[in-house]
Structure formats: C-alpha cells, structure tokens
Amino acid sequence: VYVTAVLQKALSDAQGPSNSPNPAGGGVLVLEVDLGRCYTVRSSSEAERMGWAAQGYDSAWAAEGVIGKYEECCVSDPA
C-alpha cells in the first residue's frame, strides 16, 4: 500500500506518466492510517528503502527530498 499526505502526488501516481498512463485508471482513497511501528528512511539507498519490513517495522516514512520531491510513506502488507 502506498500512502502520501499530498493529494496531487496521489492523483499523479494513480494516473501514471503521460507517456505510459495507468491502463486501470488508478484510484485514490482518502483514509486515516495507523502506521504501527514506523521506520524513518534517512537516505535513498536500497537498504534504507527496502529493509525496514524485515526489521519488524509496519511502515516506513521518508521526509520530502529523501527519496523524491514529496514525503512518502509505505505500509507493509500484513498478510
């Protein structure tokens, strides 16, 4: 599950890039999310971005500019 606090970013991601639009049309839900145990991503390295779930975290958050232009949050699939 991808989560952002920036509506414009969510709309843009749902639509896909103009040269390769999302064939499903995408969708945006407005939710309140319990992030559980949240990891703070401090760099754009793959280890920082991908290793948090294996360390027992429920979600990861990166401030704007750490990974991309906007802040980002990812919630692990509990299944």
PDB file of N, CA and C in Angstrom:
ATOM      1  N   VAL A   1       0.858  -1.174   0.000  1.00  0.00           N
ATOM      2  CA  VAL A   1       0.000   0.000   0.000  1.00  0.00           C
ATOM      3  C   VAL A   1       0.896   1.226   0.000  1.00  0.00           C
ATOM      4  N   TYR A   2       0.626   2.134  -0.904  1.00  0.00           N
ATOM      5  CA  TYR A   2       1.374   3.387  -0.987  1.00  0.00           C
ATOM      6  C   TYR A   2       0.541   4.478  -0.336  1.00  0.00           C
ATOM      7  N   VAL A   3       1.169   5.303   0.508  1.00  0.00           N
ATOM      8  CA  VAL A   3       0.463   6.356   1.234  1.00  0.00           C
ATOM      9  C   VAL A   3       1.204   7.673   1.051  1.00  0.00           C
ATOM     10  N   THR A   4       0.463   8.736   0.802  1.00  0.00           N
ATOM     11  CA  THR A   4       1.050  10.070   0.750  1.00  0.00           C
ATOM     12  C   THR A   4       0.085  11.059   1.382  1.00  0.00           C
ATOM     13  N   ALA A   5       0.628  12.098   1.957  1.00  0.00           N
ATOM     14  CA  ALA A   5      -0.186  13.172   2.518  1.00  0.00           C
ATOM     15  C   ALA A   5      -0.446  14.265   1.486  1.00  0.00           C
ATOM     16  N   VAL A   6       0.106  14.102   0.270  1.00  0.00           N
ATOM     17  CA  VAL A   6      -0.001  15.112  -0.782  1.00  0.00           C
ATOM     18  C   VAL A   6      -0.983  14.611  -1.844  1.00  0.00           C
ATOM     19  N   LEU A   7      -2.173  15.196  -1.889  1.00  0.00           N
ATOM     20  CA  LEU A   7      -3.211  14.737  -2.811  1.00  0.00           C
ATOM     21  C   LEU A   7      -2.734  14.783  -4.261  1.00  0.00           C
ATOM     22  N   GLN A   8      -2.055  15.840  -4.682  1.00  0.00           N
ATOM     23  CA  GLN A   8      -1.604  15.953  -6.068  1.00  0.00           C
ATOM     24  C   GLN A   8      -0.660  14.801  -6.441  1.00  0.00           C
ATOM     25  N   LYS A   9       0.203  14.385  -5.503  1.00  0.00           N
ATOM     26  CA  LYS A   9       1.116  13.266  -5.757  1.00  0.00           C
ATOM     27  C   LYS A   9       0.314  11.972  -5.931  1.00  0.00           C
ATOM     28  N   ALA A  10      -0.683  11.772  -5.090  1.00  0.00           N
ATOM     29  CA  ALA A  10      -1.513  10.567  -5.193  1.00  0.00           C
ATOM     30  C   ALA A  10      -2.246  10.524  -6.530  1.00  0.00           C
ATOM     31  N   LEU A  11      -2.809  11.641  -6.949  1.00  0.00           N
ATOM     32  CA  LEU A  11      -3.521  11.697  -8.223  1.00  0.00           C
ATOM     33  C   LEU A  11      -2.578  11.430  -9.388  1.00  0.00           C
ATOM     34  N   SER A  12      -1.392  12.009  -9.337  1.00  0.00           N
ATOM     35  CA  SER A  12      -0.401  11.821 -10.387  1.00  0.00           C
ATOM     36  C   SER A  12       0.036  10.361 -10.467  1.00  0.00           C
ATOM     37  N   ASP A  13       0.309   9.738  -9.324  1.00  0.00           N
ATOM     38  CA  ASP A  13       0.726   8.333  -9.296  1.00  0.00           C
ATOM     39  C   ASP A  13      -0.389   7.417  -9.797  1.00  0.00           C
ATOM     40  N   ALA A  14      -1.638   7.714  -9.464  1.00  0.00           N
ATOM     41  CA  ALA A  14      -2.762   6.885  -9.887  1.00  0.00           C
ATOM     42  C   ALA A  14      -2.950   6.936 -11.400  1.00  0.00           C
ATOM     43  N   GLN A  15      -2.719   8.091 -11.999  1.00  0.00           N
ATOM     44  CA  GLN A  15      -2.893   8.248 -13.445  1.00  0.00           C
ATOM     45  C   GLN A  15      -1.731   7.655 -14.226  1.00  0.00           C
ATOM     46  N   GLY A  16      -0.545   7.656 -13.642  1.00  0.00           N
ATOM     47  CA  GLY A  16       0.644   7.184 -14.338  1.00  0.00           C
ATOM     48  C   GLY A  16       1.239   8.297 -15.181  1.00  0.00           C
ATOM     49  N   PRO A  17       2.450   8.093 -15.697  1.00  0.00           N
ATOM     50  CA  PRO A  17       3.089   9.122 -16.515  1.00  0.00           C
ATOM     51  C   PRO A  17       2.346   9.318 -17.835  1.00  0.00           C
ATOM     52  N   SER A  18       2.454  10.499 -18.406  1.00  0.00           N
ATOM     53  CA  SER A  18       1.715  10.806 -19.639  1.00  0.00           C
ATOM     54  C   SER A  18       2.130   9.904 -20.806  1.00  0.00           C
ATOM     55  N   ASN A  19       3.377   9.441 -20.821  1.00  0.00           N
ATOM     56  CA  ASN A  19       3.824   8.572 -21.910  1.00  0.00           C
ATOM     57  C   ASN A  19       3.458   7.103 -21.678  1.00  0.00           C
ATOM     58  N   SER A  20       2.947   6.762 -20.502  1.00  0.00           N
ATOM     59  CA  SER A  20       2.552   5.395 -20.194  1.00  0.00           C
ATOM     60  C   SER A  20       1.455   5.413 -19.124  1.00  0.00           C
ATOM     61  N   PRO A  21       0.247   5.888 -19.483  1.00  0.00           N
ATOM     62  CA  PRO A  21      -0.808   6.017 -18.477  1.00  0.00           C
ATOM     63  C   PRO A  21      -1.209   4.669 -17.876  1.00  0.00           C
ATOM     64  N   ASN A  22      -1.682   4.711 -16.675  1.00  0.00           N
ATOM     65  CA  ASN A  22      -2.144   3.513 -15.970  1.00  0.00           C
ATOM     66  C   ASN A  22      -3.363   2.951 -16.697  1.00  0.00           C
ATOM     67  N   PRO A  23      -3.301   1.730 -17.247  1.00  0.00           N
ATOM     68  CA  PRO A  23      -4.423   1.180 -18.008  1.00  0.00           C
ATOM     69  C   PRO A  23      -5.678   0.965 -17.149  1.00  0.00           C
ATOM     70  N   ALA A  24      -5.501   0.800 -15.844  1.00  0.00           N
ATOM     71  CA  ALA A  24      -6.650   0.609 -14.957  1.00  0.00           C
ATOM     72  C   ALA A  24      -7.246   1.939 -14.510  1.00  0.00           C
ATOM     73  N   GLY A  25      -6.587   3.037 -14.844  1.00  0.00           N
ATOM     74  CA  GLY A  25      -7.105   4.340 -14.464  1.00  0.00           C
ATOM     75  C   GLY A  25      -6.690   4.777 -13.077  1.00  0.00           C
ATOM     76  N   GLY A  26      -6.249   3.867 -12.264  1.00  0.00           N
ATOM     77  CA  GLY A  26      -5.799   4.206 -10.914  1.00  0.00           C
ATOM     78  C   GLY A  26      -6.950   4.641 -10.029  1.00  0.00           C
ATOM     79  N   GLY A  27      -6.647   4.869  -8.801  1.00  0.00           N
ATOM     80  CA  GLY A  27      -7.649   5.323  -7.846  1.00  0.00           C
ATOM     81  C   GLY A  27      -6.979   5.901  -6.619  1.00  0.00           C
ATOM     82  N   VAL A  28      -7.682   6.786  -5.952  1.00  0.00           N
ATOM     83  CA  VAL A  28      -7.164   7.430  -4.746  1.00  0.00           C
ATOM     84  C   VAL A  28      -8.219   7.310  -3.659  1.00  0.00           C
ATOM     85  N   LEU A  29      -7.808   6.847  -2.504  1.00  0.00           N
ATOM     86  CA  LEU A  29      -8.679   6.757  -1.337  1.00  0.00           C
ATOM     87  C   LEU A  29      -8.185   7.736  -0.285  1.00  0.00           C
ATOM     88  N   VAL A  30      -9.098   8.411   0.377  1.00  0.00           N
ATOM     89  CA  VAL A  30      -8.738   9.292   1.485  1.00  0.00           C
ATOM     90  C   VAL A  30      -8.997   8.500   2.760  1.00  0.00           C
ATOM     91  N   LEU A  31      -7.937   8.261   3.543  1.00  0.00           N
ATOM     92  CA  LEU A  31      -8.008   7.369   4.694  1.00  0.00           C
ATOM     93  C   LEU A  31      -7.307   7.948   5.915  1.00  0.00           C
ATOM     94  N   GLU A  32      -7.651   7.441   7.060  1.00  0.00           N
ATOM     95  CA  GLU A  32      -6.844   7.619   8.255  1.00  0.00           C
ATOM     96  C   GLU A  32      -6.119   6.299   8.441  1.00  0.00           C
ATOM     97  N   VAL A  33      -4.797   6.347   8.616  1.00  0.00           N
ATOM     98  CA  VAL A  33      -3.999   5.134   8.645  1.00  0.00           C
ATOM     99  C   VAL A  33      -3.212   5.058   9.948  1.00  0.00           C
ATOM    100  N   ASP A  34      -3.284   3.911  10.612  1.00  0.00           N
ATOM    101  CA  ASP A  34      -2.427   3.652  11.774  1.00  0.00           C
ATOM    102  C   ASP A  34      -1.150   3.031  11.226  1.00  0.00           C
ATOM    103  N   LEU A  35      -0.056   3.766  11.294  1.00  0.00           N
ATOM    104  CA  LEU A  35       1.195   3.303  10.707  1.00  0.00           C
ATOM    105  C   LEU A  35       1.917   2.272  11.556  1.00  0.00           C
ATOM    106  N   GLY A  36       1.408   1.981  12.741  1.00  0.00           N
ATOM    107  CA  GLY A  36       2.061   0.998  13.600  1.00  0.00           C
ATOM    108  C   GLY A  36       3.475   1.440  13.939  1.00  0.00           C
ATOM    109  N   ARG A  37       4.388   0.488  13.966  1.00  0.00           N
ATOM    110  CA  ARG A  37       5.805   0.776  14.242  1.00  0.00           C
ATOM    111  C   ARG A  37       6.426   1.310  12.952  1.00  0.00           C
ATOM    112  N   CYS A  38       6.760   2.595  12.938  1.00  0.00           N
ATOM    113  CA  CYS A  38       7.163   3.272  11.714  1.00  0.00           C
ATOM    114  C   CYS A  38       8.675   3.534  11.675  1.00  0.00           C
ATOM    115  N   TYR A  39       9.306   3.126  10.569  1.00  0.00           N
ATOM    116  CA  TYR A  39      10.734   3.328  10.343  1.00  0.00           C
ATOM    117  C   TYR A  39      10.939   4.647   9.598  1.00  0.00           C
ATOM    118  N   THR A  40      11.902   5.442  10.003  1.00  0.00           N
ATOM    119  CA  THR A  40      12.225   6.684   9.312  1.00  0.00           C
ATOM    120  C   THR A  40      13.371   6.433   8.339  1.00  0.00           C
ATOM    121  N   VAL A  41      13.080   6.574   7.041  1.00  0.00           N
ATOM    122  CA  VAL A  41      14.087   6.390   5.995  1.00  0.00           C
ATOM    123  C   VAL A  41      14.943   7.653   5.958  1.00  0.00           C
ATOM    124  N   ARG A  42      16.275   7.490   6.068  1.00  0.00           N
ATOM    125  CA  ARG A  42      17.173   8.633   6.145  1.00  0.00           C
ATOM    126  C   ARG A  42      18.015   8.855   4.886  1.00  0.00           C
ATOM    127  N   SER A  43      17.987   7.878   3.949  1.00  0.00           N
ATOM    128  CA  SER A  43      18.731   8.041   2.697  1.00  0.00           C
ATOM    129  C   SER A  43      18.011   7.290   1.586  1.00  0.00           C
ATOM    130  N   SER A  44      18.436   7.508   0.361  1.00  0.00           N
ATOM    131  CA  SER A  44      17.781   6.853  -0.770  1.00  0.00           C
ATOM    132  C   SER A  44      18.413   5.514  -1.132  1.00  0.00           C
ATOM    133  N   SER A  45      19.320   5.009  -0.294  1.00  0.00           N
ATOM    134  CA  SER A  45      19.950   3.719  -0.586  1.00  0.00           C
ATOM    135  C   SER A  45      18.907   2.604  -0.572  1.00  0.00           C
ATOM    136  N   GLU A  46      19.158   1.568  -1.347  1.00  0.00           N
ATOM    137  CA  GLU A  46      18.209   0.452  -1.424  1.00  0.00           C
ATOM    138  C   GLU A  46      18.020  -0.211  -0.064  1.00  0.00           C
ATOM    139  N   ALA A  47      19.079  -0.350   0.699  1.00  0.00           N
ATOM    140  CA  ALA A  47      18.977  -0.969   2.030  1.00  0.00           C
ATOM    141  C   ALA A  47      18.040  -0.167   2.933  1.00  0.00           C
ATOM    142  N   GLU A  48      18.125   1.158   2.866  1.00  0.00           N
ATOM    143  CA  GLU A  48      17.251   2.018   3.671  1.00  0.00           C
ATOM    144  C   GLU A  48      15.805   1.910   3.215  1.00  0.00           C
ATOM    145  N   ARG A  49      15.598   1.873   1.912  1.00  0.00           N
ATOM    146  CA  ARG A  49      14.241   1.892   1.364  1.00  0.00           C
ATOM    147  C   ARG A  49      13.552   0.533   1.432  1.00  0.00           C
ATOM    148  N   MET A  50      14.315  -0.557   1.433  1.00  0.00           N
ATOM    149  CA  MET A  50      13.709  -1.880   1.295  1.00  0.00           C
ATOM    150  C   MET A  50      13.809  -2.775   2.534  1.00  0.00           C
ATOM    151  N   GLY A  51      14.659  -2.472   3.489  1.00  0.00           N
ATOM    152  CA  GLY A  51      14.917  -3.398   4.583  1.00  0.00           C
ATOM    153  C   GLY A  51      14.065  -3.247   5.822  1.00  0.00           C
ATOM    154  N   TRP A  52      13.233  -2.237   5.876  1.00  0.00           N
ATOM    155  CA  TRP A  52      12.513  -1.934   7.112  1.00  0.00           C
ATOM    156  C   TRP A  52      11.521  -3.022   7.534  1.00  0.00           C
ATOM    157  N   ALA A  53      10.808  -3.632   6.604  1.00  0.00           N
ATOM    158  CA  ALA A  53       9.815  -4.656   6.966  1.00  0.00           C
ATOM    159  C   ALA A  53      10.484  -5.879   7.582  1.00  0.00           C
ATOM    160  N   ALA A  54      11.654  -6.263   7.046  1.00  0.00           N
ATOM    161  CA  ALA A  54      12.388  -7.417   7.579  1.00  0.00           C
ATOM    162  C   ALA A  54      12.900  -7.147   8.985  1.00  0.00           C
ATOM    163  N   GLN A  55      12.984  -5.879   9.368  1.00  0.00           N
ATOM    164  CA  GLN A  55      13.432  -5.498  10.706  1.00  0.00           C
ATOM    165  C   GLN A  55      12.268  -5.373  11.676  1.00  0.00           C
ATOM    166  N   GLY A  56      11.052  -5.755  11.241  1.00  0.00           N
ATOM    167  CA  GLY A  56       9.893  -5.771  12.133  1.00  0.00           C
ATOM    168  C   GLY A  56       9.066  -4.502  12.140  1.00  0.00           C
ATOM    169  N   TYR A  57       9.327  -3.576  11.223  1.00  0.00           N
ATOM    170  CA  TYR A  57       8.540  -2.344  11.164  1.00  0.00           C
ATOM    171  C   TYR A  57       7.274  -2.578  10.353  1.00  0.00           C
ATOM    172  N   ASP A  58       6.209  -1.858  10.688  1.00  0.00           N
ATOM    173  CA  ASP A  58       4.934  -1.958   9.990  1.00  0.00           C
ATOM    174  C   ASP A  58       4.844  -1.000   8.806  1.00  0.00           C
ATOM    175  N   SER A  59       5.626   0.077   8.870  1.00  0.00           N
ATOM    176  CA  SER A  59       5.585   1.098   7.830  1.00  0.00           C
ATOM    177  C   SER A  59       6.930   1.818   7.788  1.00  0.00           C
ATOM    178  N   ALA A  60       7.105   2.580   6.711  1.00  0.00           N
ATOM    179  CA  ALA A  60       8.314   3.398   6.574  1.00  0.00           C
ATOM    180  C   ALA A  60       7.907   4.774   6.079  1.00  0.00           C
ATOM    181  N   TRP A  61       8.583   5.800   6.563  1.00  0.00           N
ATOM    182  CA  TRP A  61       8.286   7.180   6.186  1.00  0.00           C
ATOM    183  C   TRP A  61       9.577   7.874   5.786  1.00  0.00           C
ATOM    184  N   ALA A  62       9.516   8.647   4.697  1.00  0.00           N
ATOM    185  CA  ALA A  62      10.656   9.443   4.238  1.00  0.00           C
ATOM    186  C   ALA A  62      10.197  10.884   4.071  1.00  0.00           C
ATOM    187  N   ALA A  63      10.945  11.807   4.633  1.00  0.00           N
ATOM    188  CA  ALA A  63      10.625  13.229   4.504  1.00  0.00           C
ATOM    189  C   ALA A  63      10.793  13.660   3.053  1.00  0.00           C
ATOM    190  N   GLU A  64      10.182  14.776   2.693  1.00  0.00           N
ATOM    191  CA  GLU A  64      10.324  15.263   1.317  1.00  0.00           C
ATOM    192  C   GLU A  64      11.794  15.497   1.014  1.00  0.00           C
ATOM    193  N   GLY A  65      12.196  15.079  -0.179  1.00  0.00           N
ATOM    194  CA  GLY A  65      13.578  15.240  -0.600  1.00  0.00           C
ATOM    195  C   GLY A  65      14.485  14.060  -0.286  1.00  0.00           C
ATOM    196  N   VAL A  66      14.082  13.146   0.582  1.00  0.00           N
ATOM    197  CA  VAL A  66      14.934  11.997   0.905  1.00  0.00           C
ATOM    198  C   VAL A  66      14.923  10.989  -0.241  1.00  0.00           C
ATOM    199  N   ILE A  67      13.740  10.648  -0.730  1.00  0.00           N
ATOM    200  CA  ILE A  67      13.596   9.698  -1.839  1.00  0.00           C
ATOM    201  C   ILE A  67      13.148  10.424  -3.112  1.00  0.00           C
ATOM    202  N   GLY A  68      12.282  11.368  -2.938  1.00  0.00           N
ATOM    203  CA  GLY A  68      11.738  12.104  -4.074  1.00  0.00           C
ATOM    204  C   GLY A  68      11.365  13.512  -3.662  1.00  0.00           C
ATOM    205  N   LYS A  69      10.600  14.142  -4.499  1.00  0.00           N
ATOM    206  CA  LYS A  69      10.220  15.537  -4.267  1.00  0.00           C
ATOM    207  C   LYS A  69       9.305  15.683  -3.049  1.00  0.00           C
ATOM    208  N   TYR A  70       8.421  14.711  -2.835  1.00  0.00           N
ATOM    209  CA  TYR A  70       7.443  14.779  -1.750  1.00  0.00           C
ATOM    210  C   TYR A  70       7.787  13.789  -0.643  1.00  0.00           C
ATOM    211  N   GLU A  71       7.190  13.982   0.528  1.00  0.00           N
ATOM    212  CA  GLU A  71       7.339  12.979   1.572  1.00  0.00           C
ATOM    213  C   GLU A  71       6.616  11.724   1.121  1.00  0.00           C
ATOM    214  N   GLU A  72       7.074  10.576   1.585  1.00  0.00           N
ATOM    215  CA  GLU A  72       6.461   9.311   1.191  1.00  0.00           C
ATOM    216  C   GLU A  72       6.343   8.383   2.379  1.00  0.00           C
ATOM    217  N   CYS A  73       5.341   7.517   2.319  1.00  0.00           N
ATOM    218  CA  CYS A  73       5.122   6.528   3.359  1.00  0.00           C
ATOM    219  C   CYS A  73       4.661   5.244   2.707  1.00  0.00           C
ATOM    220  N   CYS A  74       5.104   4.132   3.243  1.00  0.00           N
ATOM    221  CA  CYS A  74       4.712   2.820   2.734  1.00  0.00           C
ATOM    222  C   CYS A  74       4.278   1.969   3.932  1.00  0.00           C
ATOM    223  N   VAL A  75       3.160   1.272   3.784  1.00  0.00           N
ATOM    224  CA  VAL A  75       2.650   0.406   4.843  1.00  0.00           C
ATOM    225  C   VAL A  75       2.787  -1.040   4.372  1.00  0.00           C
ATOM    226  N   SER A  76       3.355  -1.881   5.217  1.00  0.00           N
ATOM    227  CA  SER A  76       3.589  -3.289   4.883  1.00  0.00           C
ATOM    228  C   SER A  76       2.263  -4.043   4.752  1.00  0.00           C
ATOM    229  N   ASP A  77       2.254  -5.039   3.891  1.00  0.00           N
ATOM    230  CA  ASP A  77       1.110  -5.925   3.758  1.00  0.00           C
ATOM    231  C   ASP A  77       1.177  -6.940   4.891  1.00  0.00           C
ATOM    232  N   PRO A  78       0.197  -6.947   5.793  1.00  0.00           N
ATOM    233  CA  PRO A  78       0.261  -7.839   6.953  1.00  0.00           C
ATOM    234  C   PRO A  78      -0.014  -9.293   6.622  1.00  0.00           C
ATOM    235  N   ALA A  79      -0.446  -9.590   5.411  1.00  0.00           N
ATOM    236  CA  ALA A  79      -0.825 -10.966   5.053  1.00  0.00           C
ATOM    237  C   ALA A  79       0.362 -11.880   4.895  1.00  0.00           C
TER     238      ALA A  79
END
